[in-house]
């Protein structure tokens, strides 16, 4: 329950202003109510398309418009690509739809939008100078489940007023243990049914996945998912790669139109794997992949292991001067590669947002009783396939390969 507090005339005017100027969902109204209660932390937990992000952006813009003092509002996510495809794009679309976007107010270099005498800045949590930098008035962390607790803490102690958090609850994490138990925090739960502006086609598409129990739990009902059935084990998120390592490989899973090409950097240091996402994009042909390897400063002598189903692609990249080979595939090679990966402790860089998302969602299929099988789902596996190829060729032990080399 929200703390009860009489609204001031300022908040009444604020409410009337926002209701008159934005197409608001009930999620917006609940966030406005929480903000009016002077709560320290407002946590938005919910399903896909529930308007968590859009509503929070609407509220932050309204706060900036009506502020009688100069305010700095920081909008943060785990990486700049995630920000550009998410909050920054939504923010511009939101203002354009209301006829309020002014290109002159947008500093594209510093990613700052000026609203009267206030500023709304966008930066990623993988920028240490920003995380440990100057204070702000209001903080909004989008998909906070993707950043470490220490990053949140550093941002929070530099925030003088309200903190907004949102996420899809794939599993329990630091918000459940360290934030929500506090008296000054409130949880706002929402689902796609709280978004009155979804089209019937969007609602139908979401509800078509009701039979996918785990997916529906998180992305349909907005409830905390279970770790039962998760395939990838023994991993965490780190800010940087080690400066020294014993071995290094690159894994490639090819895609183009429908699937992304995944380019994964894997380093072995002190018996553990350190993994970084170099590419996760559609529309990359083989020459573009070769050029991207060069742009990432990958040494030419680095061994690259790629999907053996595309020998032409492997040959074209080899012709560009790269040391590339086909992955060893065969009967049960998927399960074998996954088993090899799970032998190692894995440290994933914070900027590897797509890789982290796959780790959180790649599961075993389940039977009619919800029990995991030994068959992986054929989704959330592009970067994981690239890692499997490296595991099969470089990390396996003698017995791992007996089944397909005939010994």
Protein backbone atom coordinates (compact mmCIF):
# COMPACT_ATOMS: atom_id res chain seq x y z
CA UNK A 1 0.00 0.00 0.00
CA UNK A 2 1.16 3.51 -0.75
CA UNK A 3 1.82 5.82 2.15
CA UNK A 4 -1.14 8.15 2.49
CA UNK A 5 -0.31 11.81 2.08
CA UNK A 6 -2.48 14.78 1.10
CA UNK A 7 -1.63 16.07 -2.33
CA UNK A 8 -0.44 19.63 -2.65
CA UNK A 9 -1.88 21.99 -5.24
CA UNK A 10 1.29 21.37 -7.24
CA UNK A 11 0.55 17.66 -7.54
CA UNK A 12 -3.10 18.27 -8.44
CA UNK A 13 -2.00 20.57 -11.24
CA UNK A 14 0.62 17.99 -12.24
CA UNK A 15 -2.03 15.30 -12.49
CA UNK A 16 -4.36 17.50 -14.54
CA UNK A 17 -1.52 18.55 -16.83
CA UNK A 18 -0.37 15.03 -17.58
CA UNK A 19 -3.88 13.66 -18.06
CA UNK A 20 -4.59 16.44 -20.54
CA UNK A 21 -1.38 16.16 -22.55
CA UNK A 22 -0.44 12.47 -22.77
CA UNK A 23 -2.22 9.27 -23.77
CA UNK A 24 -1.60 7.56 -20.46
CA UNK A 25 -2.15 3.97 -19.41
CA UNK A 26 -3.09 2.89 -15.91
CA UNK A 27 0.61 2.11 -15.38
CA UNK A 28 1.39 5.80 -15.85
CA UNK A 29 -1.29 6.76 -13.32
CA UNK A 30 0.08 4.32 -10.74
CA UNK A 31 3.61 5.63 -11.20
CA UNK A 32 2.33 9.18 -10.85
CA UNK A 33 0.54 8.19 -7.65
CA UNK A 34 3.73 6.65 -6.26
CA UNK A 35 5.78 9.68 -7.24
CA UNK A 36 3.29 11.95 -5.46
CA UNK A 37 3.83 9.96 -2.27
CA UNK A 38 7.50 11.00 -2.18
CA UNK A 39 8.64 7.37 -2.24
CA UNK A 40 12.36 6.83 -2.71
CA UNK A 41 12.25 3.83 -5.10
CA UNK A 42 9.46 3.01 -7.58
CA UNK A 43 9.86 -0.50 -9.01
CA UNK A 44 7.97 -1.54 -12.16
CA UNK A 45 7.84 -5.31 -12.57
CA UNK A 46 5.75 -6.75 -15.35
CA UNK A 47 5.12 -8.51 -18.61
CA UNK A 48 6.08 -7.57 -22.12
CA UNK A 49 4.23 -4.58 -23.62
CA UNK A 50 2.73 -3.49 -20.30
CA UNK A 51 3.89 0.13 -20.98
CA UNK A 52 6.42 0.13 -18.11
CA UNK A 53 9.09 1.93 -20.10
CA UNK A 54 6.79 4.24 -22.07
CA UNK A 55 4.86 5.28 -18.96
CA UNK A 56 8.03 6.00 -17.00
CA UNK A 57 9.39 8.13 -19.84
CA UNK A 58 6.10 10.04 -20.00
CA UNK A 59 6.30 10.75 -16.29
CA UNK A 60 9.94 11.84 -16.37
CA UNK A 61 9.27 14.22 -19.25
CA UNK A 62 6.27 15.68 -17.40
CA UNK A 63 8.38 16.17 -14.28
CA UNK A 64 10.96 18.05 -16.35
CA UNK A 65 8.29 20.24 -17.99
CA UNK A 66 6.68 21.25 -14.69
CA UNK A 67 9.85 21.52 -12.62
CA UNK A 68 10.35 24.93 -11.03
CA UNK A 69 14.07 24.26 -10.64
CA UNK A 70 16.76 22.87 -12.88
CA UNK A 71 16.70 19.07 -12.61
CA UNK A 72 19.03 16.43 -14.01
CA UNK A 73 17.26 13.17 -14.88
CA UNK A 74 19.43 10.16 -15.79
CA UNK A 75 18.09 7.28 -17.87
CA UNK A 76 20.40 4.27 -17.71
CA UNK A 77 20.56 0.80 -19.24
CA UNK A 78 23.20 -1.91 -19.43
CA UNK A 79 24.67 -0.86 -22.80
CA UNK A 80 24.42 1.90 -25.36
CA UNK A 81 22.99 -0.43 -28.06
CA UNK A 82 20.25 -1.41 -25.61
CA UNK A 83 19.54 2.25 -24.88
CA UNK A 84 19.42 3.23 -28.54
CA UNK A 85 17.01 0.45 -29.45
CA UNK A 86 14.92 0.93 -26.30
CA UNK A 87 14.59 4.04 -24.16
CA UNK A 88 16.13 6.55 -26.56
CA UNK A 89 13.98 5.40 -29.46
CA UNK A 90 10.85 5.28 -27.28
CA UNK A 91 11.57 8.73 -25.86
CA UNK A 92 11.81 10.32 -29.30
CA UNK A 93 8.77 8.43 -30.61
CA UNK A 94 6.78 9.42 -27.52
CA UNK A 95 7.52 13.12 -28.00
CA UNK A 96 6.95 12.97 -31.75
CA UNK A 97 3.55 11.32 -31.25
CA UNK A 98 2.58 14.19 -28.95
CA UNK A 99 4.04 16.82 -31.27
CA UNK A 100 6.67 17.84 -28.69
CA UNK A 101 9.96 16.63 -30.17
CA UNK A 102 12.36 19.48 -30.90
CA UNK A 103 15.62 18.45 -32.62
CA UNK A 104 17.26 21.67 -31.37
CA UNK A 105 16.87 20.43 -27.79
CA UNK A 106 18.66 17.13 -28.51
CA UNK A 107 22.42 16.91 -28.07
CA UNK A 108 23.20 13.80 -30.10
CA UNK A 109 26.85 13.73 -29.01
CA UNK A 110 26.24 13.75 -25.26
CA UNK A 111 22.82 12.05 -25.50
CA UNK A 112 21.09 14.84 -23.54
CA UNK A 113 17.64 16.35 -24.17
CA UNK A 114 16.88 19.77 -22.68
CA UNK A 115 13.38 20.44 -21.33
CA UNK A 116 13.01 24.08 -20.24
CA UNK A 117 15.69 24.44 -17.57
CA UNK A 118 16.02 20.67 -16.91
CA UNK A 119 18.05 17.98 -18.66
CA UNK A 120 17.30 14.33 -19.45
CA UNK A 121 20.50 12.38 -20.12
CA UNK A 122 20.98 8.84 -21.44
CA UNK A 123 24.03 6.73 -20.66
CA UNK A 124 24.97 3.07 -20.27
CA UNK A 125 25.94 1.37 -17.03
CA UNK A 126 29.13 0.05 -18.63
CA UNK A 127 30.60 3.58 -18.54
CA UNK A 128 32.48 3.73 -15.21
CA UNK A 129 32.96 7.49 -15.47
CA UNK A 130 29.20 7.98 -15.62
CA UNK A 131 28.33 5.43 -12.94
CA UNK A 132 30.85 6.93 -10.51
CA UNK A 133 30.34 10.47 -11.77
CA UNK A 134 28.37 13.51 -10.57
CA UNK A 135 25.04 13.40 -8.76
CA UNK A 136 21.60 13.67 -10.31
CA UNK A 137 18.09 14.43 -9.08
CA UNK A 138 16.15 11.50 -10.57
CA UNK A 139 17.40 8.11 -11.78
CA UNK A 140 15.65 5.64 -14.09
CA UNK A 141 17.29 2.25 -14.74
CA UNK A 142 15.64 0.38 -17.59
CA UNK A 143 15.76 -3.43 -17.36
CA UNK A 144 17.68 -3.23 -14.10
CA UNK A 145 17.81 -7.04 -13.97
CA UNK A 146 20.70 -6.76 -16.45
CA UNK A 147 23.06 -4.73 -14.26
CA UNK A 148 25.01 -5.77 -11.14
CA UNK A 149 23.89 -4.62 -7.71
CA UNK A 150 27.09 -2.67 -7.13
CA UNK A 151 26.40 -0.61 -10.26
CA UNK A 152 22.92 0.16 -8.95
CA UNK A 153 24.30 1.11 -5.55
CA UNK A 154 26.84 3.53 -7.03
CA UNK A 155 24.11 5.17 -9.10
CA UNK A 156 21.65 5.26 -6.20
CA UNK A 157 23.96 6.97 -3.72
CA UNK A 158 24.46 9.74 -6.29
CA UNK A 159 20.70 10.30 -6.74
CA UNK A 160 19.12 12.95 -4.53
CA UNK A 161 15.42 12.32 -5.18
CA UNK A 162 13.45 9.46 -6.78
CA UNK A 163 14.72 6.22 -8.32
CA UNK A 164 12.65 4.37 -10.96
CA UNK A 165 13.42 0.75 -11.87
CA UNK A 166 11.77 -1.55 -14.38
CA UNK A 167 12.31 -5.12 -15.58
CA UNK A 168 10.80 -8.34 -16.91
CA UNK A 169 11.12 -10.72 -13.95
CA UNK A 170 13.02 -13.62 -15.52
CA UNK A 171 14.25 -14.70 -12.08
CA UNK A 172 14.84 -13.37 -8.58
CA UNK A 173 17.73 -10.93 -8.24
CA UNK A 174 18.97 -8.06 -6.06
CA UNK A 175 15.76 -6.00 -6.34
CA UNK A 176 13.85 -8.74 -4.50
CA UNK A 177 16.39 -9.03 -1.69
CA UNK A 178 17.85 -5.55 -1.29
CA UNK A 179 15.33 -3.00 -2.61
CA UNK A 180 11.71 -4.10 -2.23
CA UNK A 181 11.94 -4.91 1.51
CA UNK A 182 12.68 -1.23 2.23
CA UNK A 183 9.81 0.90 3.57
CA UNK A 184 10.47 3.67 1.06
CA UNK A 185 10.13 1.32 -1.95
CA UNK A 186 6.93 0.38 -3.78
CA UNK A 187 6.26 -2.36 -6.33
CA UNK A 188 4.00 -1.67 -9.31
CA UNK A 189 3.07 -4.89 -11.09
CA UNK A 190 1.63 -4.72 -14.60
CA UNK A 191 0.83 -6.89 -17.60
CA UNK A 192 -0.02 -6.29 -21.23
CA UNK A 193 -3.67 -6.04 -20.14
CA UNK A 194 -2.80 -2.76 -18.39
CA UNK A 195 -1.84 -1.24 -21.73
CA UNK A 196 -5.06 0.05 -23.24
CA UNK A 197 -3.29 1.08 -26.45
CA UNK A 198 -2.19 -2.35 -27.66
CA UNK A 199 -3.83 -3.44 -30.89
CA UNK A 200 -5.93 -6.63 -30.97
CA UNK A 201 -3.23 -8.18 -33.16
CA UNK A 202 -0.56 -7.48 -30.52
CA UNK A 203 -2.71 -8.96 -27.75
CA UNK A 204 -3.39 -12.05 -29.87
CA UNK A 205 0.33 -12.46 -30.60
CA UNK A 206 1.23 -12.29 -26.89
CA UNK A 207 -1.52 -14.71 -25.89
CA UNK A 208 -0.48 -17.18 -28.60
CA UNK A 209 2.42 -18.18 -26.29
CA UNK A 210 0.25 -19.22 -23.34
CA UNK A 211 1.29 -22.84 -23.79
CA UNK A 212 4.96 -21.92 -23.30
CA UNK A 213 4.72 -22.10 -19.51
CA UNK A 214 7.98 -20.44 -18.56
CA UNK A 215 7.69 -17.70 -21.16
CA UNK A 216 4.09 -16.98 -20.20
CA UNK A 217 4.99 -16.80 -16.50
CA UNK A 218 7.43 -13.93 -17.14
CA UNK A 219 6.35 -12.19 -20.34
CA UNK A 220 2.60 -12.85 -20.18
CA UNK A 221 1.79 -12.69 -16.48
CA UNK A 222 4.72 -10.55 -15.38
CA UNK A 223 5.56 -12.95 -12.55
CA UNK A 224 8.99 -14.06 -11.42
CA UNK A 225 10.28 -16.91 -13.54
CA UNK A 226 11.81 -20.07 -12.28
CA UNK A 227 15.39 -21.24 -12.73
CA UNK A 228 14.04 -24.75 -13.24
CA UNK A 229 14.85 -25.86 -16.76
CA UNK A 230 17.54 -23.28 -17.47
CA UNK A 231 20.31 -24.87 -19.50
CA UNK A 232 23.32 -22.61 -18.97
CA UNK A 233 24.63 -22.75 -15.42
CA UNK A 234 27.50 -21.28 -13.41
CA UNK A 235 27.80 -17.75 -14.82
CA UNK A 236 27.87 -14.15 -13.69
CA UNK A 237 28.19 -10.64 -15.14
CA UNK A 238 31.46 -8.67 -15.03
CA UNK A 239 32.46 -5.22 -16.20
CA UNK A 240 35.71 -6.06 -18.00
CA UNK A 241 37.74 -8.89 -19.49
CA UNK A 242 41.01 -9.99 -17.84
CA UNK A 243 44.14 -8.25 -19.11
CA UNK A 244 45.95 -11.59 -19.48
CA UNK A 245 44.64 -14.97 -20.56
CA UNK A 246 45.93 -18.38 -21.58
CA UNK A 247 43.96 -18.86 -24.82
CA UNK A 248 41.49 -16.96 -26.97
CA UNK A 249 38.96 -18.05 -29.60
CA UNK A 250 36.13 -16.51 -31.62
CA UNK A 251 32.87 -18.38 -32.22
CA UNK A 252 30.56 -17.53 -35.13
CA UNK A 253 26.95 -18.55 -35.67
CA UNK A 254 25.85 -17.34 -39.10
CA UNK A 255 22.60 -15.52 -39.72
CA UNK A 256 21.31 -12.94 -42.13
CA UNK A 257 17.63 -12.17 -42.76
CA UNK A 258 15.67 -13.92 -40.04
CA UNK A 259 18.39 -14.72 -37.50
CA UNK A 260 21.28 -12.57 -36.26
CA UNK A 261 24.89 -13.35 -36.85
CA UNK A 262 26.53 -13.91 -33.45
CA UNK A 263 30.24 -13.21 -33.05
CA UNK A 264 31.50 -14.24 -29.59
CA UNK A 265 34.93 -13.63 -28.05
CA UNK A 266 35.92 -16.40 -25.58
CA UNK A 267 39.03 -16.28 -23.41
CA UNK A 268 40.39 -18.92 -21.05
CA UNK A 269 42.01 -17.53 -17.91
CA UNK A 270 42.87 -19.57 -14.80
CA UNK A 271 40.53 -22.36 -15.83
CA UNK A 272 37.50 -20.10 -16.32
CA UNK A 273 35.85 -18.59 -19.40
CA UNK A 274 35.51 -14.87 -20.00
CA UNK A 275 33.00 -14.14 -22.74
CA UNK A 276 32.25 -10.97 -24.72
CA UNK A 277 29.66 -10.25 -27.41
CA UNK A 278 31.32 -8.69 -30.47
CA UNK A 279 28.34 -8.82 -32.83
CA UNK A 280 24.66 -9.79 -32.69
CA UNK A 281 23.01 -8.32 -35.77
CA UNK A 282 21.00 -9.29 -38.84
CA UNK A 283 22.06 -8.37 -42.36
CA UNK A 284 25.80 -9.11 -42.06
CA UNK A 285 27.31 -10.88 -45.07
CA UNK A 286 30.67 -12.64 -44.93
CA UNK A 287 32.75 -9.66 -46.04
CA UNK A 288 31.04 -7.52 -43.40
CA UNK A 289 31.82 -10.16 -40.77
CA UNK A 290 35.48 -10.18 -41.81
CA UNK A 291 35.61 -6.38 -41.65
CA UNK A 292 33.94 -6.38 -38.23
CA UNK A 293 36.58 -8.77 -36.89
CA UNK A 294 39.21 -6.28 -38.03
CA UNK A 295 37.34 -3.36 -36.47
CA UNK A 296 37.23 -5.26 -33.16
CA UNK A 297 41.04 -5.56 -33.29
CA UNK A 298 40.94 -9.35 -33.29
CA UNK A 299 44.47 -10.62 -34.04
CA UNK A 300 44.74 -12.50 -37.32
CA UNK A 301 46.26 -15.52 -35.60
CA UNK A 302 43.17 -16.00 -33.38
CA UNK A 303 41.40 -19.29 -34.08
CA UNK A 304 37.81 -18.79 -35.25
CA UNK A 305 35.29 -21.64 -35.11
CA UNK A 306 32.14 -21.31 -37.18
CA UNK A 307 29.03 -23.26 -38.08
CA UNK A 308 30.09 -26.15 -40.32
CA UNK A 309 26.74 -26.00 -42.13
CA UNK A 310 28.06 -23.01 -44.11
CA UNK A 311 31.37 -24.06 -45.76
CA UNK A 312 31.06 -21.29 -48.36
CA UNK A 313 30.92 -18.63 -45.65
CA UNK A 314 33.91 -20.17 -43.90
CA UNK A 315 35.91 -20.18 -47.14
CA UNK A 316 35.06 -16.54 -47.91
CA UNK A 317 36.15 -15.37 -44.44
CA UNK A 318 39.32 -17.49 -44.70
CA UNK A 319 40.06 -15.81 -48.04
CA UNK A 320 39.99 -12.49 -46.19
CA UNK A 321 42.98 -13.66 -44.16
CA UNK A 322 41.34 -15.09 -41.05
CA UNK A 323 42.25 -18.36 -39.33
CA UNK A 324 38.81 -19.99 -39.40
CA UNK A 325 37.68 -23.61 -39.16
CA UNK A 326 34.41 -25.54 -39.13
CA UNK A 327 32.87 -26.72 -35.88
CA UNK A 328 32.91 -30.46 -35.18
CA UNK A 329 29.30 -31.54 -35.44
CA UNK A 330 27.67 -34.93 -35.20
CA UNK A 331 25.12 -36.96 -33.32
CA UNK A 332 24.29 -35.34 -29.94
CA UNK A 333 26.84 -32.57 -30.53
CA UNK A 334 24.37 -29.97 -29.18
CA UNK A 335 24.10 -31.73 -25.81
CA UNK A 336 27.83 -32.43 -25.74
CA UNK A 337 28.73 -28.81 -26.45
CA UNK A 338 26.35 -27.57 -23.75
CA UNK A 339 27.76 -30.06 -21.24
CA UNK A 340 31.30 -28.87 -21.98
CA UNK A 341 30.28 -25.22 -21.54
CA UNK A 342 28.66 -25.98 -18.19
CA UNK A 343 31.90 -27.48 -16.83
CA UNK A 344 33.38 -24.00 -16.73
CA UNK A 345 32.64 -20.94 -14.64
CA UNK A 346 31.62 -18.27 -17.14
CA UNK A 347 32.03 -14.50 -16.75
CA UNK A 348 29.95 -12.45 -19.20
CA UNK A 349 30.73 -8.82 -19.93
CA UNK A 350 28.05 -6.38 -18.91
CA UNK A 351 27.73 -4.99 -22.43
CA UNK A 352 26.83 -8.45 -23.85
CA UNK A 353 23.10 -7.81 -23.53
CA UNK A 354 21.92 -10.31 -26.16
CA UNK A 355 24.16 -13.04 -24.81
CA UNK A 356 22.90 -12.43 -21.27
CA UNK A 357 19.31 -12.51 -22.51
CA UNK A 358 19.94 -15.90 -24.13
CA UNK A 359 21.47 -17.29 -20.94
CA UNK A 360 18.38 -16.18 -19.01
CA UNK A 361 15.92 -17.72 -21.45
CA UNK A 362 17.54 -20.80 -23.01
CA UNK A 363 15.73 -23.75 -21.46
CA UNK A 364 14.94 -27.40 -21.85
CA UNK A 365 11.58 -28.14 -23.40
CA UNK A 366 9.03 -29.50 -20.92
CA UNK A 367 6.54 -32.35 -21.02
CA UNK A 368 2.79 -32.06 -20.37
CA UNK A 369 3.49 -31.99 -16.62
CA UNK A 370 6.01 -29.13 -16.87
CA UNK A 371 9.06 -31.34 -16.29
CA UNK A 372 12.22 -30.46 -18.27
CA UNK A 373 13.28 -32.85 -21.04
CA UNK A 374 16.75 -33.29 -22.50
CA UNK A 375 15.81 -31.34 -25.64
CA UNK A 376 16.68 -27.62 -25.74
CA UNK A 377 14.18 -25.13 -27.11
CA UNK A 378 15.10 -23.85 -30.56
CA UNK A 379 15.19 -20.21 -29.45
CA UNK A 380 17.57 -17.92 -27.57
CA UNK A 381 20.53 -19.90 -28.91
CA UNK A 382 22.44 -17.87 -31.51
CA UNK A 383 25.28 -16.69 -29.27
CA UNK A 384 25.10 -19.99 -27.38
CA UNK A 385 25.61 -21.92 -30.61
CA UNK A 386 28.71 -19.83 -31.31
CA UNK A 387 30.02 -20.75 -27.86
CA UNK A 388 29.18 -24.42 -28.41
CA UNK A 389 31.31 -24.50 -31.53
CA UNK A 390 34.31 -23.29 -29.55
CA UNK A 391 33.55 -25.78 -26.78
CA UNK A 392 33.38 -28.72 -29.21
CA UNK A 393 36.59 -27.86 -31.04
CA UNK A 394 38.75 -26.43 -28.26
CA UNK A 395 37.46 -27.33 -24.80
CA UNK A 396 36.34 -30.93 -25.05
CA UNK A 397 38.06 -33.93 -23.55
CA UNK A 398 38.86 -37.15 -25.38
CA UNK A 399 35.70 -38.99 -24.39
CA UNK A 400 33.44 -36.13 -25.50
CA UNK A 401 34.10 -36.82 -29.14
CA UNK A 402 34.14 -40.60 -29.35
CA UNK A 403 30.52 -40.75 -30.51
CA UNK A 404 31.11 -39.00 -33.83
CA UNK A 405 34.69 -39.85 -34.77
CA UNK A 406 34.02 -43.58 -34.56
CA UNK A 407 36.34 -44.55 -31.73
